[in-house]
Full PDB file with SEQRES, HELIX, SHEET, SSBOND, CRYST1, ORIGX, SCALE, CONECT and MASTER records, all heavy atoms in Angstrom:
SEQRES   1 A   41  MET ASP SER PRO ASP LYS GLU THR ALA THR TYR VAL LEU          
SEQRES   2 A   41  ARG VAL ASN GLN ASN GLY ILE GLY PHE SER THR THR GLY          
SEQRES   3 A   41  ILE ASP GLY PRO TYR SER ASN ALA TRP THR ILE ASP GLY          
SEQRES   4 A   41  ASN LEU                                                      
SHEET    1 AA1 3 VAL A  12  ASN A  16  0                                        
SHEET    2 AA1 3 GLY A  19  SER A  23 -1                                        
SHEET    3 AA1 3 ASN A  33  THR A  36 -1                                        
CRYST1    1.000    1.000    1.000  90.00  90.00  90.00 P 1           1          
ORIGX1      1.000000  0.000000  0.000000        0.00000                         
ORIGX2      0.000000  1.000000  0.000000        0.00000                         
ORIGX3      0.000000  0.000000  1.000000        0.00000                         
SCALE1      1.000000  0.000000  0.000000        0.00000                         
SCALE2      0.000000  1.000000  0.000000        0.00000                         
SCALE3      0.000000  0.000000  1.000000        0.00000                         
ATOM      1  N   MET A   1     -24.034  -2.844  13.471  1.00  0.00           N  
ATOM      2  CA  MET A   1     -24.600  -1.762  12.669  1.00  0.00           C  
ATOM      3  C   MET A   1     -25.503  -0.877  13.523  1.00  0.00           C  
ATOM      4  O   MET A   1     -25.887  -1.239  14.641  1.00  0.00           O  
ATOM      5  CB  MET A   1     -25.408  -2.341  11.498  1.00  0.00           C  
ATOM      6  CG  MET A   1     -24.631  -3.321  10.623  1.00  0.00           C  
ATOM      7  SD  MET A   1     -25.585  -3.866   9.179  1.00  0.00           S  
ATOM      8  CE  MET A   1     -27.004  -4.616   9.977  1.00  0.00           C  
ATOM      9  N   ASP A   2     -25.859   0.271  12.964  1.00  0.00           N  
ATOM     10  CA  ASP A   2     -26.793   1.171  13.632  1.00  0.00           C  
ATOM     11  C   ASP A   2     -28.228   0.924  13.207  1.00  0.00           C  
ATOM     12  O   ASP A   2     -29.129   1.689  13.553  1.00  0.00           O  
ATOM     13  CB  ASP A   2     -26.422   2.631  13.346  1.00  0.00           C  
ATOM     14  CG  ASP A   2     -26.422   2.951  11.864  1.00  0.00           C  
ATOM     15  OD1 ASP A   2     -26.474   2.006  11.050  1.00  0.00           O  
ATOM     16  OD2 ASP A   2     -26.366   4.149  11.519  1.00  0.00           O  
ATOM     17  N   SER A   3     -28.461  -0.155  12.454  1.00  0.00           N  
ATOM     18  CA  SER A   3     -29.795  -0.510  11.998  1.00  0.00           C  
ATOM     19  C   SER A   3     -29.863  -2.034  11.886  1.00  0.00           C  
ATOM     20  O   SER A   3     -28.863  -2.686  11.544  1.00  0.00           O  
ATOM     21  CB  SER A   3     -30.092   0.133  10.638  1.00  0.00           C  
ATOM     22  OG  SER A   3     -31.267  -0.394  10.077  1.00  0.00           O  
ATOM     23  N   PRO A   4     -31.001  -2.646  12.164  1.00  0.00           N  
ATOM     24  CA  PRO A   4     -31.092  -4.100  12.021  1.00  0.00           C  
ATOM     25  C   PRO A   4     -31.100  -4.561  10.574  1.00  0.00           C  
ATOM     26  O   PRO A   4     -30.887  -5.729  10.293  1.00  0.00           O  
ATOM     27  CB  PRO A   4     -32.422  -4.428  12.715  1.00  0.00           C  
ATOM     28  CG  PRO A   4     -33.241  -3.192  12.563  1.00  0.00           C  
ATOM     29  CD  PRO A   4     -32.255  -2.059  12.688  1.00  0.00           C  
ATOM     30  N   ASP A   5     -31.333  -3.657   9.668  1.00  0.00           N  
ATOM     31  CA  ASP A   5     -31.407  -3.995   8.252  1.00  0.00           C  
ATOM     32  C   ASP A   5     -30.118  -3.555   7.565  1.00  0.00           C  
ATOM     33  O   ASP A   5     -29.751  -2.375   7.608  1.00  0.00           O  
ATOM     34  CB  ASP A   5     -32.615  -3.306   7.612  1.00  0.00           C  
ATOM     35  CG  ASP A   5     -32.862  -3.789   6.197  1.00  0.00           C  
ATOM     36  OD1 ASP A   5     -32.012  -4.528   5.658  1.00  0.00           O  
ATOM     37  OD2 ASP A   5     -33.902  -3.405   5.613  1.00  0.00           O  
ATOM     38  N   LYS A   6     -29.443  -4.474   6.921  1.00  0.00           N  
ATOM     39  CA  LYS A   6     -28.178  -4.150   6.257  1.00  0.00           C  
ATOM     40  C   LYS A   6     -28.365  -3.139   5.132  1.00  0.00           C  
ATOM     41  O   LYS A   6     -27.437  -2.403   4.793  1.00  0.00           O  
ATOM     42  CB  LYS A   6     -27.535  -5.426   5.701  1.00  0.00           C  
ATOM     43  CG  LYS A   6     -27.044  -6.379   6.771  1.00  0.00           C  
ATOM     44  CD  LYS A   6     -26.257  -7.518   6.178  1.00  0.00           C  
ATOM     45  CE  LYS A   6     -27.151  -8.436   5.375  1.00  0.00           C  
ATOM     46  NZ  LYS A   6     -26.402  -9.630   4.881  1.00  0.00           N  
ATOM     47  N   GLU A   7     -29.539  -3.091   4.558  1.00  0.00           N  
ATOM     48  CA  GLU A   7     -29.775  -2.183   3.437  1.00  0.00           C  
ATOM     49  C   GLU A   7     -29.916  -0.730   3.892  1.00  0.00           C  
ATOM     50  O   GLU A   7     -29.692   0.195   3.119  1.00  0.00           O  
ATOM     51  CB  GLU A   7     -31.036  -2.604   2.672  1.00  0.00           C  
ATOM     52  CG  GLU A   7     -30.978  -4.014   2.108  1.00  0.00           C  
ATOM     53  CD  GLU A   7     -29.802  -4.191   1.151  1.00  0.00           C  
ATOM     54  OE1 GLU A   7     -29.464  -3.217   0.435  1.00  0.00           O  
ATOM     55  OE2 GLU A   7     -29.234  -5.290   1.118  1.00  0.00           O  
ATOM     56  N   THR A   8     -30.303  -0.517   5.153  1.00  0.00           N  
ATOM     57  CA  THR A   8     -30.509   0.853   5.646  1.00  0.00           C  
ATOM     58  C   THR A   8     -29.432   1.300   6.622  1.00  0.00           C  
ATOM     59  O   THR A   8     -29.432   2.445   7.056  1.00  0.00           O  
ATOM     60  CB  THR A   8     -31.885   0.957   6.335  1.00  0.00           C  
ATOM     61  OG1 THR A   8     -31.921   0.043   7.441  1.00  0.00           O  
ATOM     62  CG2 THR A   8     -33.005   0.623   5.362  1.00  0.00           C  
ATOM     63  N   ALA A   9     -28.520   0.401   6.998  1.00  0.00           N  
ATOM     64  CA  ALA A   9     -27.474   0.750   7.968  1.00  0.00           C  
ATOM     65  C   ALA A   9     -26.496   1.753   7.372  1.00  0.00           C  
ATOM     66  O   ALA A   9     -26.202   1.722   6.172  1.00  0.00           O  
ATOM     67  CB  ALA A   9     -26.730  -0.502   8.415  1.00  0.00           C  
ATOM     68  N   THR A  10     -26.019   2.656   8.232  1.00  0.00           N  
ATOM     69  CA  THR A  10     -25.028   3.654   7.810  1.00  0.00           C  
ATOM     70  C   THR A  10     -23.662   3.364   8.416  1.00  0.00           C  
ATOM     71  O   THR A  10     -22.654   3.285   7.710  1.00  0.00           O  
ATOM     72  CB  THR A  10     -25.487   5.068   8.225  1.00  0.00           C  
ATOM     73  OG1 THR A  10     -26.749   5.338   7.613  1.00  0.00           O  
ATOM     74  CG2 THR A  10     -24.476   6.111   7.765  1.00  0.00           C  
ATOM     75  N   TYR A  11     -23.606   3.195   9.736  1.00  0.00           N  
ATOM     76  CA  TYR A  11     -22.343   2.899  10.415  1.00  0.00           C  
ATOM     77  C   TYR A  11     -22.212   1.392  10.566  1.00  0.00           C  
ATOM     78  O   TYR A  11     -23.065   0.733  11.174  1.00  0.00           O  
ATOM     79  CB  TYR A  11     -22.306   3.584  11.784  1.00  0.00           C  
ATOM     80  CG  TYR A  11     -22.316   5.087  11.681  1.00  0.00           C  
ATOM     81  CD1 TYR A  11     -23.501   5.808  11.765  1.00  0.00           C  
ATOM     82  CD2 TYR A  11     -21.133   5.782  11.475  1.00  0.00           C  
ATOM     83  CE1 TYR A  11     -23.506   7.186  11.657  1.00  0.00           C  
ATOM     84  CE2 TYR A  11     -21.125   7.164  11.363  1.00  0.00           C  
ATOM     85  CZ  TYR A  11     -22.323   7.862  11.450  1.00  0.00           C  
ATOM     86  OH  TYR A  11     -22.310   9.225  11.344  1.00  0.00           O  
ATOM     87  N   VAL A  12     -21.128   0.843  10.020  1.00  0.00           N  
ATOM     88  CA  VAL A  12     -20.982  -0.611   9.944  1.00  0.00           C  
ATOM     89  C   VAL A  12     -19.566  -1.011  10.352  1.00  0.00           C  
ATOM     90  O   VAL A  12     -18.580  -0.419   9.896  1.00  0.00           O  
ATOM     91  CB  VAL A  12     -21.263  -1.124   8.513  1.00  0.00           C  
ATOM     92  CG1 VAL A  12     -21.093  -2.634   8.451  1.00  0.00           C  
ATOM     93  CG2 VAL A  12     -22.658  -0.723   8.063  1.00  0.00           C  
ATOM     94  N   LEU A  13     -19.492  -2.004  11.260  1.00  0.00           N  
ATOM     95  CA  LEU A  13     -18.233  -2.700  11.533  1.00  0.00           C  
ATOM     96  C   LEU A  13     -18.409  -4.108  10.971  1.00  0.00           C  
ATOM     97  O   LEU A  13     -19.277  -4.864  11.404  1.00  0.00           O  
ATOM     98  CB  LEU A  13     -17.943  -2.763  13.035  1.00  0.00           C  
ATOM     99  CG  LEU A  13     -16.565  -3.307  13.449  1.00  0.00           C  
ATOM    100  CD1 LEU A  13     -16.205  -2.798  14.837  1.00  0.00           C  
ATOM    101  CD2 LEU A  13     -16.524  -4.833  13.478  1.00  0.00           C  
ATOM    102  N   ARG A  14     -17.598  -4.477   9.987  1.00  0.00           N  
ATOM    103  CA  ARG A  14     -17.774  -5.725   9.250  1.00  0.00           C  
ATOM    104  C   ARG A  14     -16.565  -6.617   9.467  1.00  0.00           C  
ATOM    105  O   ARG A  14     -15.426  -6.187   9.298  1.00  0.00           O  
ATOM    106  CB  ARG A  14     -17.956  -5.420   7.769  1.00  0.00           C  
ATOM    107  CG  ARG A  14     -18.321  -6.622   6.907  1.00  0.00           C  
ATOM    108  CD  ARG A  14     -18.660  -6.155   5.503  1.00  0.00           C  
ATOM    109  NE  ARG A  14     -19.144  -7.226   4.660  1.00  0.00           N  
ATOM    110  CZ  ARG A  14     -19.632  -7.047   3.425  1.00  0.00           C  
ATOM    111  NH1 ARG A  14     -19.684  -5.823   2.911  1.00  0.00           N  
ATOM    112  NH2 ARG A  14     -20.055  -8.078   2.721  1.00  0.00           N  
ATOM    113  N   VAL A  15     -16.827  -7.881   9.838  1.00  0.00           N  
ATOM    114  CA  VAL A  15     -15.752  -8.844  10.109  1.00  0.00           C  
ATOM    115  C   VAL A  15     -16.008 -10.094   9.286  1.00  0.00           C  
ATOM    116  O   VAL A  15     -17.096 -10.677   9.358  1.00  0.00           O  
ATOM    117  CB  VAL A  15     -15.682  -9.208  11.605  1.00  0.00           C  
ATOM    118  CG1 VAL A  15     -14.523 -10.177  11.853  1.00  0.00           C  
ATOM    119  CG2 VAL A  15     -15.524  -7.975  12.472  1.00  0.00           C  
ATOM    120  N   ASN A  16     -15.026 -10.500   8.491  1.00  0.00           N  
ATOM    121  CA  ASN A  16     -15.110 -11.769   7.772  1.00  0.00           C  
ATOM    122  C   ASN A  16     -13.706 -12.331   7.610  1.00  0.00           C  
ATOM    123  O   ASN A  16     -12.746 -11.811   8.198  1.00  0.00           O  
ATOM    124  CB  ASN A  16     -15.807 -11.581   6.412  1.00  0.00           C  
ATOM    125  CG  ASN A  16     -15.129 -10.518   5.551  1.00  0.00           C  
ATOM    126  OD1 ASN A  16     -13.911 -10.405   5.530  1.00  0.00           O  
ATOM    127  ND2 ASN A  16     -15.941  -9.721   4.848  1.00  0.00           N  
ATOM    128  N   GLN A  17     -13.571 -13.401   6.837  1.00  0.00           N  
ATOM    129  CA  GLN A  17     -12.290 -14.084   6.729  1.00  0.00           C  
ATOM    130  C   GLN A  17     -11.218 -13.226   6.059  1.00  0.00           C  
ATOM    131  O   GLN A  17     -10.022 -13.543   6.153  1.00  0.00           O  
ATOM    132  CB  GLN A  17     -12.456 -15.381   5.942  1.00  0.00           C  
ATOM    133  CG  GLN A  17     -12.873 -15.158   4.484  1.00  0.00           C  
ATOM    134  CD  GLN A  17     -12.952 -16.461   3.709  1.00  0.00           C  
ATOM    135  OE1 GLN A  17     -12.675 -17.518   4.265  1.00  0.00           O  
ATOM    136  NE2 GLN A  17     -13.322 -16.384   2.442  1.00  0.00           N  
ATOM    137  N   ASN A  18     -11.615 -12.130   5.405  1.00  0.00           N  
ATOM    138  CA  ASN A  18     -10.648 -11.277   4.724  1.00  0.00           C  
ATOM    139  C   ASN A  18     -10.174 -10.105   5.569  1.00  0.00           C  
ATOM    140  O   ASN A  18      -9.264  -9.388   5.172  1.00  0.00           O  
ATOM    141  CB  ASN A  18     -11.245 -10.750   3.422  1.00  0.00           C  
ATOM    142  CG  ASN A  18     -11.499 -11.857   2.424  1.00  0.00           C  
ATOM    143  OD1 ASN A  18     -10.689 -12.764   2.295  1.00  0.00           O  
ATOM    144  ND2 ASN A  18     -12.627 -11.788   1.726  1.00  0.00           N  
ATOM    145  N   GLY A  19     -10.796  -9.879   6.744  1.00  0.00           N  
ATOM    146  CA  GLY A  19     -10.333  -8.801   7.601  1.00  0.00           C  
ATOM    147  C   GLY A  19     -11.461  -8.113   8.336  1.00  0.00           C  
ATOM    148  O   GLY A  19     -12.597  -8.609   8.410  1.00  0.00           O  
ATOM    149  N   ILE A  20     -11.117  -6.936   8.877  1.00  0.00           N  
ATOM    150  CA  ILE A  20     -12.050  -6.123   9.640  1.00  0.00           C  
ATOM    151  C   ILE A  20     -12.110  -4.749   8.973  1.00  0.00           C  
ATOM    152  O   ILE A  20     -11.078  -4.147   8.675  1.00  0.00           O  
ATOM    153  CB  ILE A  20     -11.594  -5.961  11.104  1.00  0.00           C  
ATOM    154  CG1 ILE A  20     -11.421  -7.335  11.761  1.00  0.00           C  
ATOM    155  CG2 ILE A  20     -12.578  -5.114  11.900  1.00  0.00           C  
ATOM    156  CD1 ILE A  20     -10.827  -7.264  13.143  1.00  0.00           C  
ATOM    157  N   GLY A  21     -13.329  -4.268   8.760  1.00  0.00           N  
ATOM    158  CA  GLY A  21     -13.471  -2.971   8.114  1.00  0.00           C  
ATOM    159  C   GLY A  21     -14.495  -2.095   8.811  1.00  0.00           C  
ATOM    160  O   GLY A  21     -15.442  -2.588   9.424  1.00  0.00           O  
ATOM    161  N   PHE A  22     -14.301  -0.763   8.715  1.00  0.00           N  
ATOM    162  CA  PHE A  22     -15.208   0.206   9.308  1.00  0.00           C  
ATOM    163  C   PHE A  22     -15.717   1.122   8.197  1.00  0.00           C  
ATOM    164  O   PHE A  22     -14.927   1.666   7.434  1.00  0.00           O  
ATOM    165  CB  PHE A  22     -14.508   1.042  10.382  1.00  0.00           C  
ATOM    166  CG  PHE A  22     -13.896   0.218  11.485  1.00  0.00           C  
ATOM    167  CD1 PHE A  22     -12.620  -0.292  11.352  1.00  0.00           C  
ATOM    168  CD2 PHE A  22     -14.604  -0.046  12.643  1.00  0.00           C  
ATOM    169  CE1 PHE A  22     -12.046  -1.049  12.353  1.00  0.00           C  
ATOM    170  CE2 PHE A  22     -14.045  -0.793  13.655  1.00  0.00           C  
ATOM    171  CZ  PHE A  22     -12.764  -1.309  13.515  1.00  0.00           C  
ATOM    172  N   SER A  23     -17.039   1.263   8.127  1.00  0.00           N  
ATOM    173  CA  SER A  23     -17.636   2.106   7.092  1.00  0.00           C  
ATOM    174  C   SER A  23     -18.634   3.055   7.729  1.00  0.00           C  
ATOM    175  O   SER A  23     -19.334   2.695   8.680  1.00  0.00           O  
ATOM    176  CB  SER A  23     -18.336   1.248   6.034  1.00  0.00           C  
ATOM    177  OG  SER A  23     -19.113   2.061   5.158  1.00  0.00           O  
ATOM    178  N   THR A  24     -18.698   4.266   7.219  1.00  0.00           N  
ATOM    179  CA  THR A  24     -19.708   5.244   7.652  1.00  0.00           C  
ATOM    180  C   THR A  24     -20.697   5.546   6.535  1.00  0.00           C  
ATOM    181  O   THR A  24     -21.451   6.511   6.612  1.00  0.00           O  
ATOM    182  CB  THR A  24     -19.029   6.546   8.094  1.00  0.00           C  
ATOM    183  OG1 THR A  24     -18.257   7.072   7.005  1.00  0.00           O  
ATOM    184  CG2 THR A  24     -18.118   6.305   9.285  1.00  0.00           C  
ATOM    185  N   THR A  25     -20.691   4.699   5.485  1.00  0.00           N  
ATOM    186  CA  THR A  25     -21.577   4.911   4.337  1.00  0.00           C  
ATOM    187  C   THR A  25     -22.312   3.629   3.950  1.00  0.00           C  
ATOM    188  O   THR A  25     -22.667   3.453   2.794  1.00  0.00           O  
ATOM    189  CB  THR A  25     -20.781   5.433   3.135  1.00  0.00           C  
ATOM    190  OG1 THR A  25     -19.715   4.506   2.843  1.00  0.00           O  
ATOM    191  CG2 THR A  25     -20.196   6.797   3.399  1.00  0.00           C  
ATOM    192  N   GLY A  26     -22.535   2.719   4.894  1.00  0.00           N  
ATOM    193  CA  GLY A  26     -23.276   1.497   4.590  1.00  0.00           C  
ATOM    194  C   GLY A  26     -22.374   0.304   4.368  1.00  0.00           C  
ATOM    195  O   GLY A  26     -21.136   0.400   4.374  1.00  0.00           O  
ATOM    196  N   ILE A  27     -22.998  -0.885   4.165  1.00  0.00           N  
ATOM    197  CA  ILE A  27     -22.221  -2.128   4.084  1.00  0.00           C  
ATOM    198  C   ILE A  27     -21.376  -2.215   2.817  1.00  0.00           C  
ATOM    199  O   ILE A  27     -20.426  -2.989   2.761  1.00  0.00           O  
ATOM    200  CB  ILE A  27     -23.152  -3.353   4.166  1.00  0.00           C  
ATOM    201  CG1 ILE A  27     -24.102  -3.389   2.959  1.00  0.00           C  
ATOM    202  CG2 ILE A  27     -23.935  -3.366   5.458  1.00  0.00           C  
ATOM    203  CD1 ILE A  27     -24.862  -4.700   2.841  1.00  0.00           C  
ATOM    204  N   ASP A  28     -21.709  -1.432   1.794  1.00  0.00           N  
ATOM    205  CA  ASP A  28     -20.926  -1.471   0.557  1.00  0.00           C  
ATOM    206  C   ASP A  28     -19.715  -0.552   0.599  1.00  0.00           C  
ATOM    207  O   ASP A  28     -18.970  -0.432  -0.370  1.00  0.00           O  
ATOM    208  CB  ASP A  28     -21.821  -1.106  -0.634  1.00  0.00           C  
ATOM    209  CG  ASP A  28     -22.883  -2.176  -0.893  1.00  0.00           C  
ATOM    210  OD1 ASP A  28     -22.598  -3.356  -0.618  1.00  0.00           O  
ATOM    211  OD2 ASP A  28     -23.988  -1.824  -1.335  1.00  0.00           O  
ATOM    212  N   GLY A  29     -19.512   0.148   1.722  1.00  0.00           N  
ATOM    213  CA  GLY A  29     -18.322   0.967   1.871  1.00  0.00           C  
ATOM    214  C   GLY A  29     -18.423   2.328   1.208  1.00  0.00           C  
ATOM    215  O   GLY A  29     -19.519   2.821   0.957  1.00  0.00           O  
ATOM    216  N   PRO A  30     -17.263   2.969   0.954  1.00  0.00           N  
ATOM    217  CA  PRO A  30     -15.925   2.379   1.086  1.00  0.00           C  
ATOM    218  C   PRO A  30     -15.472   2.201   2.528  1.00  0.00           C  
ATOM    219  O   PRO A  30     -15.861   2.968   3.402  1.00  0.00           O  
ATOM    220  CB  PRO A  30     -15.017   3.402   0.371  1.00  0.00           C  
ATOM    221  CG  PRO A  30     -15.756   4.693   0.518  1.00  0.00           C  
ATOM    222  CD  PRO A  30     -17.223   4.355   0.463  1.00  0.00           C  
ATOM    223  N   TYR A  31     -14.640   1.173   2.754  1.00  0.00           N  
ATOM    224  CA  TYR A  31     -14.079   0.901   4.059  1.00  0.00           C  
ATOM    225  C   TYR A  31     -12.711   1.576   4.153  1.00  0.00           C  
ATOM    226  O   TYR A  31     -11.673   0.967   3.903  1.00  0.00           O  
ATOM    227  CB  TYR A  31     -13.972  -0.606   4.288  1.00  0.00           C  
ATOM    228  CG  TYR A  31     -15.312  -1.273   4.477  1.00  0.00           C  
ATOM    229  CD1 TYR A  31     -16.050  -1.718   3.387  1.00  0.00           C  
ATOM    230  CD2 TYR A  31     -15.852  -1.429   5.745  1.00  0.00           C  
ATOM    231  CE1 TYR A  31     -17.290  -2.304   3.554  1.00  0.00           C  
ATOM    232  CE2 TYR A  31     -17.100  -2.030   5.932  1.00  0.00           C  
ATOM    233  CZ  TYR A  31     -17.821  -2.459   4.834  1.00  0.00           C  
ATOM    234  OH  TYR A  31     -19.041  -3.039   5.018  1.00  0.00           O  
ATOM    235  N   SER A  32     -12.746   2.880   4.476  1.00  0.00           N  
ATOM    236  CA  SER A  32     -11.507   3.670   4.509  1.00  0.00           C  
ATOM    237  C   SER A  32     -10.631   3.305   5.700  1.00  0.00           C  
ATOM    238  O   SER A  32      -9.439   3.583   5.697  1.00  0.00           O  
ATOM    239  CB  SER A  32     -11.839   5.164   4.536  1.00  0.00           C  
ATOM    240  OG  SER A  32     -12.671   5.469   5.641  1.00  0.00           O  
ATOM    241  N   ASN A  33     -11.220   2.726   6.734  1.00  0.00           N  
ATOM    242  CA  ASN A  33     -10.456   2.232   7.875  1.00  0.00           C  
ATOM    243  C   ASN A  33     -10.615   0.722   7.918  1.00  0.00           C  
ATOM    244  O   ASN A  33     -11.723   0.215   8.143  1.00  0.00           O  
ATOM    245  CB  ASN A  33     -10.950   2.850   9.192  1.00  0.00           C  
ATOM    246  CG  ASN A  33     -10.750   4.351   9.217  1.00  0.00           C  
ATOM    247  OD1 ASN A  33      -9.817   4.862   8.615  1.00  0.00           O  
ATOM    248  ND2 ASN A  33     -11.629   5.066   9.897  1.00  0.00           N  
ATOM    249  N   ALA A  34      -9.536  -0.016   7.707  1.00  0.00           N  
ATOM    250  CA  ALA A  34      -9.636  -1.472   7.611  1.00  0.00           C  
ATOM    251  C   ALA A  34      -8.311  -2.128   7.943  1.00  0.00           C  
ATOM    252  O   ALA A  34      -7.244  -1.517   7.838  1.00  0.00           O  
ATOM    253  CB  ALA A  34     -10.094  -1.881   6.208  1.00  0.00           C  
ATOM    254  N   TRP A  35      -8.417  -3.402   8.354  1.00  0.00           N  
ATOM    255  CA  TRP A  35      -7.242  -4.249   8.591  1.00  0.00           C  
ATOM    256  C   TRP A  35      -7.491  -5.541   7.835  1.00  0.00           C  
ATOM    257  O   TRP A  35      -8.321  -6.357   8.225  1.00  0.00           O  
ATOM    258  CB  TRP A  35      -7.078  -4.510  10.079  1.00  0.00           C  
ATOM    259  CG  TRP A  35      -5.760  -5.152  10.443  1.00  0.00           C  
ATOM    260  CD1 TRP A  35      -4.770  -5.524   9.596  1.00  0.00           C  
ATOM    261  CD2 TRP A  35      -5.303  -5.461  11.757  1.00  0.00           C  
ATOM    262  NE1 TRP A  35      -3.709  -6.045  10.274  1.00  0.00           N  
ATOM    263  CE2 TRP A  35      -4.012  -6.027  11.625  1.00  0.00           C  
ATOM    264  CE3 TRP A  35      -5.846  -5.322  13.015  1.00  0.00           C  
ATOM    265  CZ2 TRP A  35      -3.272  -6.454  12.716  1.00  0.00           C  
ATOM    266  CZ3 TRP A  35      -5.099  -5.747  14.108  1.00  0.00           C  
ATOM    267  CH2 TRP A  35      -3.831  -6.308  13.963  1.00  0.00           C  
ATOM    268  N   THR A  36      -6.813  -5.704   6.718  1.00  0.00           N  
ATOM    269  CA  THR A  36      -7.090  -6.818   5.831  1.00  0.00           C  
ATOM    270  C   THR A  36      -6.141  -7.976   6.098  1.00  0.00           C  
ATOM    271  O   THR A  36      -5.076  -7.814   6.710  1.00  0.00           O  
ATOM    272  CB  THR A  36      -6.973  -6.368   4.361  1.00  0.00           C  
ATOM    273  OG1 THR A  36      -5.668  -5.821   4.139  1.00  0.00           O  
ATOM    274  CG2 THR A  36      -8.013  -5.299   4.064  1.00  0.00           C  
ATOM    275  N   ILE A  37      -6.539  -9.175   5.587  1.00  0.00           N  
ATOM    276  CA  ILE A  37      -5.806 -10.390   5.897  1.00  0.00           C  
ATOM    277  C   ILE A  37      -4.420 -10.415   5.252  1.00  0.00           C  
ATOM    278  O   ILE A  37      -3.547 -11.176   5.673  1.00  0.00           O  
ATOM    279  CB  ILE A  37      -6.642 -11.615   5.448  1.00  0.00           C  
ATOM    280  CG1 ILE A  37      -6.117 -12.896   6.129  1.00  0.00           C  
ATOM    281  CG2 ILE A  37      -6.620 -11.754   3.939  1.00  0.00           C  
ATOM    282  CD1 ILE A  37      -7.012 -14.082   5.914  1.00  0.00           C  
ATOM    283  N   ASP A  38      -4.199  -9.589   4.232  1.00  0.00           N  
ATOM    284  CA  ASP A  38      -2.883  -9.557   3.595  1.00  0.00           C  
ATOM    285  C   ASP A  38      -1.892  -8.665   4.339  1.00  0.00           C  
ATOM    286  O   ASP A  38      -0.798  -8.394   3.848  1.00  0.00           O  
ATOM    287  CB  ASP A  38      -3.004  -9.085   2.136  1.00  0.00           C  
ATOM    288  CG  ASP A  38      -3.662  -7.729   2.016  1.00  0.00           C  
ATOM    289  OD1 ASP A  38      -3.980  -7.125   3.063  1.00  0.00           O  
ATOM    290  OD2 ASP A  38      -3.851  -7.265   0.874  1.00  0.00           O  
ATOM    291  N   GLY A  39      -2.286  -8.177   5.536  1.00  0.00           N  
ATOM    292  CA  GLY A  39      -1.343  -7.439   6.374  1.00  0.00           C  
ATOM    293  C   GLY A  39      -1.417  -5.938   6.247  1.00  0.00           C  
ATOM    294  O   GLY A  39      -0.638  -5.234   6.881  1.00  0.00           O  
ATOM    295  N   ASN A  40      -2.345  -5.421   5.450  1.00  0.00           N  
ATOM    296  CA  ASN A  40      -2.456  -3.971   5.263  1.00  0.00           C  
ATOM    297  C   ASN A  40      -3.376  -3.359   6.321  1.00  0.00           C  
ATOM    298  O   ASN A  40      -4.488  -3.855   6.546  1.00  0.00           O  
ATOM    299  CB  ASN A  40      -3.003  -3.647   3.872  1.00  0.00           C  
ATOM    300  CG  ASN A  40      -1.966  -3.857   2.790  1.00  0.00           C  
ATOM    301  OD1 ASN A  40      -0.834  -3.407   2.920  1.00  0.00           O  
ATOM    302  ND2 ASN A  40      -2.333  -4.566   1.738  1.00  0.00           N  
ATOM    303  N   LEU A  41      -2.887  -2.293   6.942  1.00  0.00           N  
ATOM    304  CA  LEU A  41      -3.685  -1.524   7.891  1.00  0.00           C  
ATOM    305  C   LEU A  41      -3.960  -0.166   7.263  1.00  0.00           C  
ATOM    306  O   LEU A  41      -3.038   0.628   7.061  1.00  0.00           O  
ATOM    307  CB  LEU A  41      -2.958  -1.353   9.225  1.00  0.00           C  
ATOM    308  CG  LEU A  41      -3.658  -0.491  10.280  1.00  0.00           C  
ATOM    309  CD1 LEU A  41      -5.001  -1.097  10.657  1.00  0.00           C  
ATOM    310  CD2 LEU A  41      -2.781  -0.321  11.520  1.00  0.00           C  
TER     311      LEU A  41                                                      
MASTER        0    0    0    0    3    0    0    6  310    1    0    4          
END                                                                             
């Protein structure tokens, strides 16, 4: 993230068991660029 606090971060790269997502509007998304575990890019 661009901030140490998840509540104030704007640019976020998030990785978990469901996939990888990129957000420019905070951790709640939307994640318009993502690669999910069900095979969707």
